[in-house]
Amino acid sequence: MGSRIRNPHCHVCEALKNELISLGVEKAKISALRNGVDLEFFHPKEPNQSKKYLNIHRHTLLSVGHLVERKGHHLVIEAMQNLPEYDLLIAGDGEEMSTLKKLAQHLNVMERVTFLGSVSHQELVTIYSAVDLLVLASSREGWANVLLEAMACGTPAIATNIWGTSEVITAPEAGLLIEKRSANAIVEAVRTIEKNMPSREKTRRYAENFSWDDTVNHLYKLFEQIASVKKE
């Protein structure tokens, strides 16, 4: 038993665990303990009040994350060309701010794109509650916290099917995975979800399956095993 848990590796998703196994790490030494979401902090606010607070009057998408290529904000901006009835909020700061603004101007969608800059988690609760969809067009993610944060506030997500995202979005009420990381794929996903948009209540109930309780319990059991080996 001791050899199985000595020098254990913990990761947030099965995808990262499988990657380590492919690199030669013993399967028995790796535990995948998923991230959870603070369901008390991230909760649905009244959508109309949230929209009024943020001055939102149209269908609105949200892209959250550091402003770097890996997060795919540029792809969501490109998608806006074929989503004329939507506005876009981008929450985050980073080195590509000016580049993304120039892209929005070049594509003639700047009037429908708002750069919020860095926002607090408290502000994000209001933003998640006000928008129609979160879009995460990342090229790499272990387990993206923003997906569950949005869902806990009642907002479904569209995300590229990379690493841990397929373990987060597993049902229609959670949103939709896109196999190709492209602006066209984002547009198609938005149009698909529009046809059968889940209620905010259903999306919230889905997120409630991802409380921190299970993760903490598994971590506690792992520590108990490690402690028992040290006593041997």
C-alpha atoms as a PDB file:
ATOM      1  CA  MET A   1       0.000   0.000   0.000  1.00  0.00           C
ATOM      2  CA  GLY A   2       2.764   2.424   0.903  1.00  0.00           C
ATOM      3  CA  SER A   3       4.387   2.212  -2.515  1.00  0.00           C
ATOM      4  CA  ARG A   4       1.137   3.272  -4.136  1.00  0.00           C
ATOM      5  CA  ILE A   5       0.849   6.621  -2.413  1.00  0.00           C
ATOM      6  CA  ARG A   6       4.444   7.575  -1.641  1.00  0.00           C
ATOM      7  CA  ASN A   7       5.355  10.775  -3.581  1.00  0.00           C
ATOM      8  CA  PRO A   8       1.815  11.282  -4.875  1.00  0.00           C
ATOM      9  CA  HIS A   9       0.904  13.780  -7.603  1.00  0.00           C
ATOM     10  CA  CYS A  10      -2.403  15.685  -7.400  1.00  0.00           C
ATOM     11  CA  HIS A  11      -4.014  17.297 -10.440  1.00  0.00           C
ATOM     12  CA  VAL A  12      -7.320  19.004 -11.065  1.00  0.00           C
ATOM     13  CA  CYS A  13      -8.617  16.859 -13.921  1.00  0.00           C
ATOM     14  CA  GLU A  14      -8.385  13.401 -15.442  1.00  0.00           C
ATOM     15  CA  ALA A  15      -6.919  14.887 -18.630  1.00  0.00           C
ATOM     16  CA  LEU A  16      -3.815  16.117 -16.803  1.00  0.00           C
ATOM     17  CA  LYS A  17      -3.579  12.811 -14.958  1.00  0.00           C
ATOM     18  CA  ASN A  18      -3.615  10.926 -18.263  1.00  0.00           C
ATOM     19  CA  GLU A  19      -0.964  13.255 -19.657  1.00  0.00           C
ATOM     20  CA  LEU A  20       1.364  12.396 -16.765  1.00  0.00           C
ATOM     21  CA  ILE A  21       0.706   8.689 -17.265  1.00  0.00           C
ATOM     22  CA  SER A  22       1.667   9.039 -20.932  1.00  0.00           C
ATOM     23  CA  LEU A  23       4.950  10.590 -19.774  1.00  0.00           C
ATOM     24  CA  GLY A  24       5.726   7.548 -17.649  1.00  0.00           C
ATOM     25  CA  VAL A  25       4.461   8.435 -14.175  1.00  0.00           C
ATOM     26  CA  GLU A  26       2.890   5.500 -12.324  1.00  0.00           C
ATOM     27  CA  LYS A  27      -0.908   5.637 -12.484  1.00  0.00           C
ATOM     28  CA  ALA A  28      -1.206   4.557  -8.842  1.00  0.00           C
ATOM     29  CA  LYS A  29       0.782   7.609  -7.712  1.00  0.00           C
ATOM     30  CA  ILE A  30      -1.559  10.149  -9.317  1.00  0.00           C
ATOM     31  CA  SER A  31      -4.852  11.440  -7.924  1.00  0.00           C
ATOM     32  CA  ALA A  32      -7.223  13.710  -9.843  1.00  0.00           C
ATOM     33  CA  LEU A  33      -9.052  16.011  -7.421  1.00  0.00           C
ATOM     34  CA  ARG A  34     -11.254  18.367  -9.405  1.00  0.00           C
ATOM     35  CA  ASN A  35     -11.761  22.019  -8.606  1.00  0.00           C
ATOM     36  CA  GLY A  36     -15.049  23.060  -7.093  1.00  0.00           C
ATOM     37  CA  VAL A  37     -16.967  26.309  -6.916  1.00  0.00           C
ATOM     38  CA  ASP A  38     -18.020  28.406  -3.935  1.00  0.00           C
ATOM     39  CA  LEU A  39     -21.784  28.059  -4.343  1.00  0.00           C
ATOM     40  CA  GLU A  40     -22.550  30.665  -1.684  1.00  0.00           C
ATOM     41  CA  PHE A  41     -20.360  33.352  -3.212  1.00  0.00           C
ATOM     42  CA  PHE A  42     -21.177  32.592  -6.852  1.00  0.00           C
ATOM     43  CA  HIS A  43     -24.958  32.639  -7.008  1.00  0.00           C
ATOM     44  CA  PRO A  44     -27.563  33.959  -9.418  1.00  0.00           C
ATOM     45  CA  LYS A  45     -28.528  37.566  -9.022  1.00  0.00           C
ATOM     46  CA  GLU A  46     -31.762  38.867 -10.506  1.00  0.00           C
ATOM     47  CA  PRO A  47     -30.934  39.063 -14.261  1.00  0.00           C
ATOM     48  CA  ASN A  48     -32.896  42.212 -15.080  1.00  0.00           C
ATOM     49  CA  GLN A  49     -31.412  44.125 -12.161  1.00  0.00           C
ATOM     50  CA  SER A  50     -27.926  42.944 -13.139  1.00  0.00           C
ATOM     51  CA  LYS A  51     -28.505  44.026 -16.748  1.00  0.00           C
ATOM     52  CA  LYS A  52     -29.734  47.432 -15.602  1.00  0.00           C
ATOM     53  CA  TYR A  53     -26.719  47.881 -13.328  1.00  0.00           C
ATOM     54  CA  LEU A  54     -24.360  47.098 -16.244  1.00  0.00           C
ATOM     55  CA  ASN A  55     -26.442  49.027 -18.805  1.00  0.00           C
ATOM     56  CA  ILE A  56     -27.032  45.896 -20.881  1.00  0.00           C
ATOM     57  CA  HIS A  57     -29.933  46.137 -23.341  1.00  0.00           C
ATOM     58  CA  ARG A  58     -29.125  43.407 -25.872  1.00  0.00           C
ATOM     59  CA  HIS A  59     -28.087  39.762 -25.992  1.00  0.00           C
ATOM     60  CA  THR A  60     -24.592  39.645 -24.518  1.00  0.00           C
ATOM     61  CA  LEU A  61     -21.646  37.245 -24.531  1.00  0.00           C
ATOM     62  CA  LEU A  62     -18.837  37.262 -21.984  1.00  0.00           C
ATOM     63  CA  SER A  63     -15.166  36.320 -22.334  1.00  0.00           C
ATOM     64  CA  VAL A  64     -13.140  36.188 -19.102  1.00  0.00           C
ATOM     65  CA  GLY A  65      -9.411  35.818 -18.533  1.00  0.00           C
ATOM     66  CA  HIS A  66      -5.983  37.354 -18.856  1.00  0.00           C
ATOM     67  CA  LEU A  67      -5.619  39.122 -22.189  1.00  0.00           C
ATOM     68  CA  VAL A  68      -3.215  36.709 -23.857  1.00  0.00           C
ATOM     69  CA  GLU A  69      -3.508  34.631 -27.026  1.00  0.00           C
ATOM     70  CA  ARG A  70      -4.027  31.399 -25.113  1.00  0.00           C
ATOM     71  CA  LYS A  71      -7.385  32.613 -23.769  1.00  0.00           C
ATOM     72  CA  GLY A  72      -8.815  33.134 -27.261  1.00  0.00           C
ATOM     73  CA  HIS A  73     -10.456  36.537 -26.768  1.00  0.00           C
ATOM     74  CA  HIS A  74      -9.535  37.369 -30.372  1.00  0.00           C
ATOM     75  CA  LEU A  75     -11.655  34.481 -31.625  1.00  0.00           C
ATOM     76  CA  VAL A  76     -14.707  35.698 -29.730  1.00  0.00           C
ATOM     77  CA  ILE A  77     -14.179  39.173 -31.208  1.00  0.00           C
ATOM     78  CA  GLU A  78     -13.956  37.651 -34.691  1.00  0.00           C
ATOM     79  CA  ALA A  79     -17.163  35.708 -34.056  1.00  0.00           C
ATOM     80  CA  MET A  80     -18.989  38.986 -33.391  1.00  0.00           C
ATOM     81  CA  GLN A  81     -18.954  39.699 -37.123  1.00  0.00           C
ATOM     82  CA  ASN A  82     -21.540  36.961 -37.587  1.00  0.00           C
ATOM     83  CA  LEU A  83     -23.495  37.588 -34.390  1.00  0.00           C
ATOM     84  CA  PRO A  84     -24.868  41.069 -35.127  1.00  0.00           C
ATOM     85  CA  GLU A  85     -27.579  40.929 -32.452  1.00  0.00           C
ATOM     86  CA  TYR A  86     -25.003  40.298 -29.689  1.00  0.00           C
ATOM     87  CA  ASP A  87     -22.742  42.529 -27.644  1.00  0.00           C
ATOM     88  CA  LEU A  88     -19.550  41.253 -26.029  1.00  0.00           C
ATOM     89  CA  LEU A  89     -18.020  41.976 -22.623  1.00  0.00           C
ATOM     90  CA  ILE A  90     -14.359  41.114 -22.078  1.00  0.00           C
ATOM     91  CA  ALA A  91     -13.264  40.919 -18.447  1.00  0.00           C
ATOM     92  CA  GLY A  92      -9.529  40.873 -17.850  1.00  0.00           C
ATOM     93  CA  ASP A  93      -6.334  42.796 -18.333  1.00  0.00           C
ATOM     94  CA  GLY A  94      -3.067  41.963 -20.037  1.00  0.00           C
ATOM     95  CA  GLU A  95      -0.513  42.521 -22.727  1.00  0.00           C
ATOM     96  CA  GLU A  96      -2.918  42.128 -25.663  1.00  0.00           C
ATOM     97  CA  MET A  97      -5.374  44.850 -24.667  1.00  0.00           C
ATOM     98  CA  SER A  98      -4.363  47.264 -27.437  1.00  0.00           C
ATOM     99  CA  THR A  99      -4.071  44.465 -30.009  1.00  0.00           C
ATOM    100  CA  LEU A 100      -7.576  43.212 -29.233  1.00  0.00           C
ATOM    101  CA  LYS A 101      -9.009  46.724 -29.399  1.00  0.00           C
ATOM    102  CA  LYS A 102      -7.373  47.246 -32.796  1.00  0.00           C
ATOM    103  CA  LEU A 103      -8.830  43.931 -33.979  1.00  0.00           C
ATOM    104  CA  ALA A 104     -12.330  44.967 -32.898  1.00  0.00           C
ATOM    105  CA  GLN A 105     -11.925  48.270 -34.692  1.00  0.00           C
ATOM    106  CA  HIS A 106     -10.563  46.593 -37.831  1.00  0.00           C
ATOM    107  CA  LEU A 107     -13.540  44.196 -37.920  1.00  0.00           C
ATOM    108  CA  ASN A 108     -16.012  47.051 -37.323  1.00  0.00           C
ATOM    109  CA  VAL A 109     -17.414  45.502 -34.150  1.00  0.00           C
ATOM    110  CA  MET A 110     -15.836  47.848 -31.614  1.00  0.00           C
ATOM    111  CA  GLU A 111     -19.163  49.529 -30.833  1.00  0.00           C
ATOM    112  CA  ARG A 112     -20.466  46.150 -29.634  1.00  0.00           C
ATOM    113  CA  VAL A 113     -17.371  45.138 -27.627  1.00  0.00           C
ATOM    114  CA  THR A 114     -16.718  46.475 -24.119  1.00  0.00           C
ATOM    115  CA  PHE A 115     -13.370  45.951 -22.398  1.00  0.00           C
ATOM    116  CA  LEU A 116     -14.023  45.885 -18.663  1.00  0.00           C
ATOM    117  CA  GLY A 117     -10.407  45.515 -17.614  1.00  0.00           C
ATOM    118  CA  SER A 118      -9.615  43.731 -14.362  1.00  0.00           C
ATOM    119  CA  VAL A 119     -12.741  43.122 -12.278  1.00  0.00           C
ATOM    120  CA  SER A 120     -13.262  41.757  -8.776  1.00  0.00           C
ATOM    121  CA  HIS A 121     -14.923  38.432  -8.068  1.00  0.00           C
ATOM    122  CA  GLN A 122     -17.853  40.328  -6.563  1.00  0.00           C
ATOM    123  CA  GLU A 123     -18.274  42.245  -9.825  1.00  0.00           C
ATOM    124  CA  LEU A 124     -18.053  38.983 -11.760  1.00  0.00           C
ATOM    125  CA  VAL A 125     -21.093  37.632  -9.915  1.00  0.00           C
ATOM    126  CA  THR A 126     -23.161  40.527 -11.276  1.00  0.00           C
ATOM    127  CA  ILE A 127     -21.638  40.181 -14.750  1.00  0.00           C
ATOM    128  CA  TYR A 128     -22.239  36.420 -14.933  1.00  0.00           C
ATOM    129  CA  SER A 129     -25.837  36.995 -13.843  1.00  0.00           C
ATOM    130  CA  ALA A 130     -26.432  39.602 -16.550  1.00  0.00           C
ATOM    131  CA  VAL A 131     -25.020  37.936 -19.673  1.00  0.00           C
ATOM    132  CA  ASP A 132     -26.518  35.183 -21.829  1.00  0.00           C
ATOM    133  CA  LEU A 133     -23.437  33.007 -22.367  1.00  0.00           C
ATOM    134  CA  LEU A 134     -19.831  32.688 -21.277  1.00  0.00           C
ATOM    135  CA  VAL A 135     -17.395  31.848 -24.077  1.00  0.00           C
ATOM    136  CA  LEU A 136     -14.018  30.327 -23.222  1.00  0.00           C
ATOM    137  CA  ALA A 137     -11.966  29.868 -26.397  1.00  0.00           C
ATOM    138  CA  SER A 138      -8.739  28.771 -24.708  1.00  0.00           C
ATOM    139  CA  SER A 139      -6.072  26.619 -26.326  1.00  0.00           C
ATOM    140  CA  ARG A 140      -4.990  25.210 -22.939  1.00  0.00           C
ATOM    141  CA  GLU A 141      -6.856  24.850 -19.647  1.00  0.00           C
ATOM    142  CA  GLY A 142      -6.473  22.403 -16.808  1.00  0.00           C
ATOM    143  CA  TRP A 143      -9.788  23.047 -15.096  1.00  0.00           C
ATOM    144  CA  ALA A 144     -11.075  26.536 -15.829  1.00  0.00           C
ATOM    145  CA  ASN A 145     -12.693  28.043 -12.730  1.00  0.00           C
ATOM    146  CA  VAL A 146     -14.669  30.565 -14.803  1.00  0.00           C
ATOM    147  CA  LEU A 147     -16.845  27.802 -16.267  1.00  0.00           C
ATOM    148  CA  LEU A 148     -18.264  26.727 -12.914  1.00  0.00           C
ATOM    149  CA  GLU A 149     -18.398  30.295 -11.637  1.00  0.00           C
ATOM    150  CA  ALA A 150     -20.636  31.275 -14.558  1.00  0.00           C
ATOM    151  CA  MET A 151     -22.818  28.175 -14.205  1.00  0.00           C
ATOM    152  CA  ALA A 152     -23.222  28.781 -10.466  1.00  0.00           C
ATOM    153  CA  CYS A 153     -24.658  32.175 -11.424  1.00  0.00           C
ATOM    154  CA  GLY A 154     -27.032  30.498 -13.897  1.00  0.00           C
ATOM    155  CA  THR A 155     -25.082  31.191 -17.089  1.00  0.00           C
ATOM    156  CA  PRO A 156     -24.201  28.322 -19.462  1.00  0.00           C
ATOM    157  CA  ALA A 157     -20.834  28.216 -21.212  1.00  0.00           C
ATOM    158  CA  ILE A 158     -19.330  27.523 -24.603  1.00  0.00           C
ATOM    159  CA  ALA A 159     -15.770  26.190 -24.370  1.00  0.00           C
ATOM    160  CA  THR A 160     -13.147  24.555 -26.529  1.00  0.00           C
ATOM    161  CA  ASN A 161     -12.882  20.839 -25.880  1.00  0.00           C
ATOM    162  CA  ILE A 162      -9.394  20.825 -24.397  1.00  0.00           C
ATOM    163  CA  TRP A 163      -8.013  19.086 -21.314  1.00  0.00           C
ATOM    164  CA  GLY A 164     -10.409  19.492 -18.379  1.00  0.00           C
ATOM    165  CA  THR A 165     -13.279  21.354 -20.051  1.00  0.00           C
ATOM    166  CA  SER A 166     -14.993  18.138 -21.143  1.00  0.00           C
ATOM    167  CA  GLU A 167     -15.130  17.143 -17.470  1.00  0.00           C
ATOM    168  CA  VAL A 168     -16.895  20.397 -16.603  1.00  0.00           C
ATOM    169  CA  ILE A 169     -19.405  20.609 -19.470  1.00  0.00           C
ATOM    170  CA  THR A 170     -21.152  17.241 -19.571  1.00  0.00           C
ATOM    171  CA  ALA A 171     -24.821  18.140 -20.085  1.00  0.00           C
ATOM    172  CA  PRO A 172     -26.898  20.587 -22.194  1.00  0.00           C
ATOM    173  CA  GLU A 173     -27.759  22.696 -19.149  1.00  0.00           C
ATOM    174  CA  ALA A 174     -24.022  23.326 -18.636  1.00  0.00           C
ATOM    175  CA  GLY A 175     -23.468  24.587 -22.169  1.00  0.00           C
ATOM    176  CA  LEU A 176     -21.648  23.259 -25.202  1.00  0.00           C
ATOM    177  CA  LEU A 177     -18.165  22.088 -26.149  1.00  0.00           C
ATOM    178  CA  ILE A 178     -16.655  23.110 -29.477  1.00  0.00           C
ATOM    179  CA  GLU A 179     -14.243  20.716 -31.143  1.00  0.00           C
ATOM    180  CA  LYS A 180     -12.569  23.334 -33.351  1.00  0.00           C
ATOM    181  CA  ARG A 181     -11.009  26.452 -31.857  1.00  0.00           C
ATOM    182  CA  SER A 182     -12.287  29.014 -34.339  1.00  0.00           C
ATOM    183  CA  ALA A 183     -14.608  31.994 -34.667  1.00  0.00           C
ATOM    184  CA  ASN A 184     -16.953  30.000 -36.918  1.00  0.00           C
ATOM    185  CA  ALA A 185     -17.227  27.232 -34.327  1.00  0.00           C
ATOM    186  CA  ILE A 186     -18.159  29.819 -31.696  1.00  0.00           C
ATOM    187  CA  VAL A 187     -20.877  31.237 -33.941  1.00  0.00           C
ATOM    188  CA  GLU A 188     -22.270  27.767 -34.625  1.00  0.00           C
ATOM    189  CA  ALA A 189     -22.276  26.963 -30.905  1.00  0.00           C
ATOM    190  CA  VAL A 190     -24.154  30.164 -30.048  1.00  0.00           C
ATOM    191  CA  ARG A 191     -26.758  29.381 -32.711  1.00  0.00           C
ATOM    192  CA  THR A 192     -27.098  25.812 -31.433  1.00  0.00           C
ATOM    193  CA  ILE A 193     -27.632  26.839 -27.808  1.00  0.00           C
ATOM    194  CA  GLU A 194     -30.108  29.537 -28.861  1.00  0.00           C
ATOM    195  CA  LYS A 195     -32.431  26.811 -30.143  1.00  0.00           C
ATOM    196  CA  ASN A 196     -32.631  25.156 -26.741  1.00  0.00           C
ATOM    197  CA  MET A 197     -31.351  27.633 -24.177  1.00  0.00           C
ATOM    198  CA  PRO A 198     -31.362  26.056 -20.707  1.00  0.00           C
ATOM    199  CA  SER A 199     -33.095  27.908 -17.916  1.00  0.00           C
ATOM    200  CA  ARG A 200     -30.838  29.691 -15.468  1.00  0.00           C
ATOM    201  CA  GLU A 201     -32.323  27.510 -12.725  1.00  0.00           C
ATOM    202  CA  LYS A 202     -31.251  24.303 -14.511  1.00  0.00           C
ATOM    203  CA  THR A 203     -27.747  25.625 -15.071  1.00  0.00           C
ATOM    204  CA  ARG A 204     -27.435  26.576 -11.409  1.00  0.00           C
ATOM    205  CA  ARG A 205     -28.615  23.113 -10.327  1.00  0.00           C
ATOM    206  CA  TYR A 206     -25.966  21.565 -12.571  1.00  0.00           C
ATOM    207  CA  ALA A 207     -23.255  23.668 -10.909  1.00  0.00           C
ATOM    208  CA  GLU A 208     -24.429  22.481  -7.505  1.00  0.00           C
ATOM    209  CA  ASN A 209     -22.922  19.084  -8.354  1.00  0.00           C
ATOM    210  CA  PHE A 210     -19.487  20.710  -8.116  1.00  0.00           C
ATOM    211  CA  SER A 211     -19.329  21.982  -4.563  1.00  0.00           C
ATOM    212  CA  TRP A 212     -15.972  21.876  -2.782  1.00  0.00           C
ATOM    213  CA  ASP A 213     -17.242  19.258  -0.317  1.00  0.00           C
ATOM    214  CA  ASP A 214     -16.405  16.162  -2.376  1.00  0.00           C
ATOM    215  CA  THR A 215     -12.982  17.480  -3.316  1.00  0.00           C
ATOM    216  CA  VAL A 216     -12.126  18.321   0.291  1.00  0.00           C
ATOM    217  CA  ASN A 217     -13.292  14.889   1.467  1.00  0.00           C
ATOM    218  CA  HIS A 218     -11.140  13.102  -1.120  1.00  0.00           C
ATOM    219  CA  LEU A 219      -8.157  15.285  -0.223  1.00  0.00           C
ATOM    220  CA  TYR A 220      -8.649  14.507   3.457  1.00  0.00           C
ATOM    221  CA  LYS A 221      -8.675  10.766   2.720  1.00  0.00           C
ATOM    222  CA  LEU A 222      -5.491  11.129   0.654  1.00  0.00           C
ATOM    223  CA  PHE A 223      -3.737  12.917   3.518  1.00  0.00           C
ATOM    224  CA  GLU A 224      -4.897  10.196   5.899  1.00  0.00           C
ATOM    225  CA  GLN A 225      -3.307   7.566   3.637  1.00  0.00           C
ATOM    226  CA  ILE A 226      -0.053   9.518   3.438  1.00  0.00           C
ATOM    227  CA  ALA A 227       0.010   9.943   7.219  1.00  0.00           C
ATOM    228  CA  SER A 228      -0.590   6.237   7.781  1.00  0.00           C
ATOM    229  CA  VAL A 229       2.373   5.341   5.538  1.00  0.00           C
ATOM    230  CA  LYS A 230       4.681   7.660   7.496  1.00  0.00           C
ATOM    231  CA  LYS A 231       3.678   5.898  10.714  1.00  0.00           C
ATOM    232  CA  GLU A 232       4.671   2.493   9.340  1.00  0.00           C
END
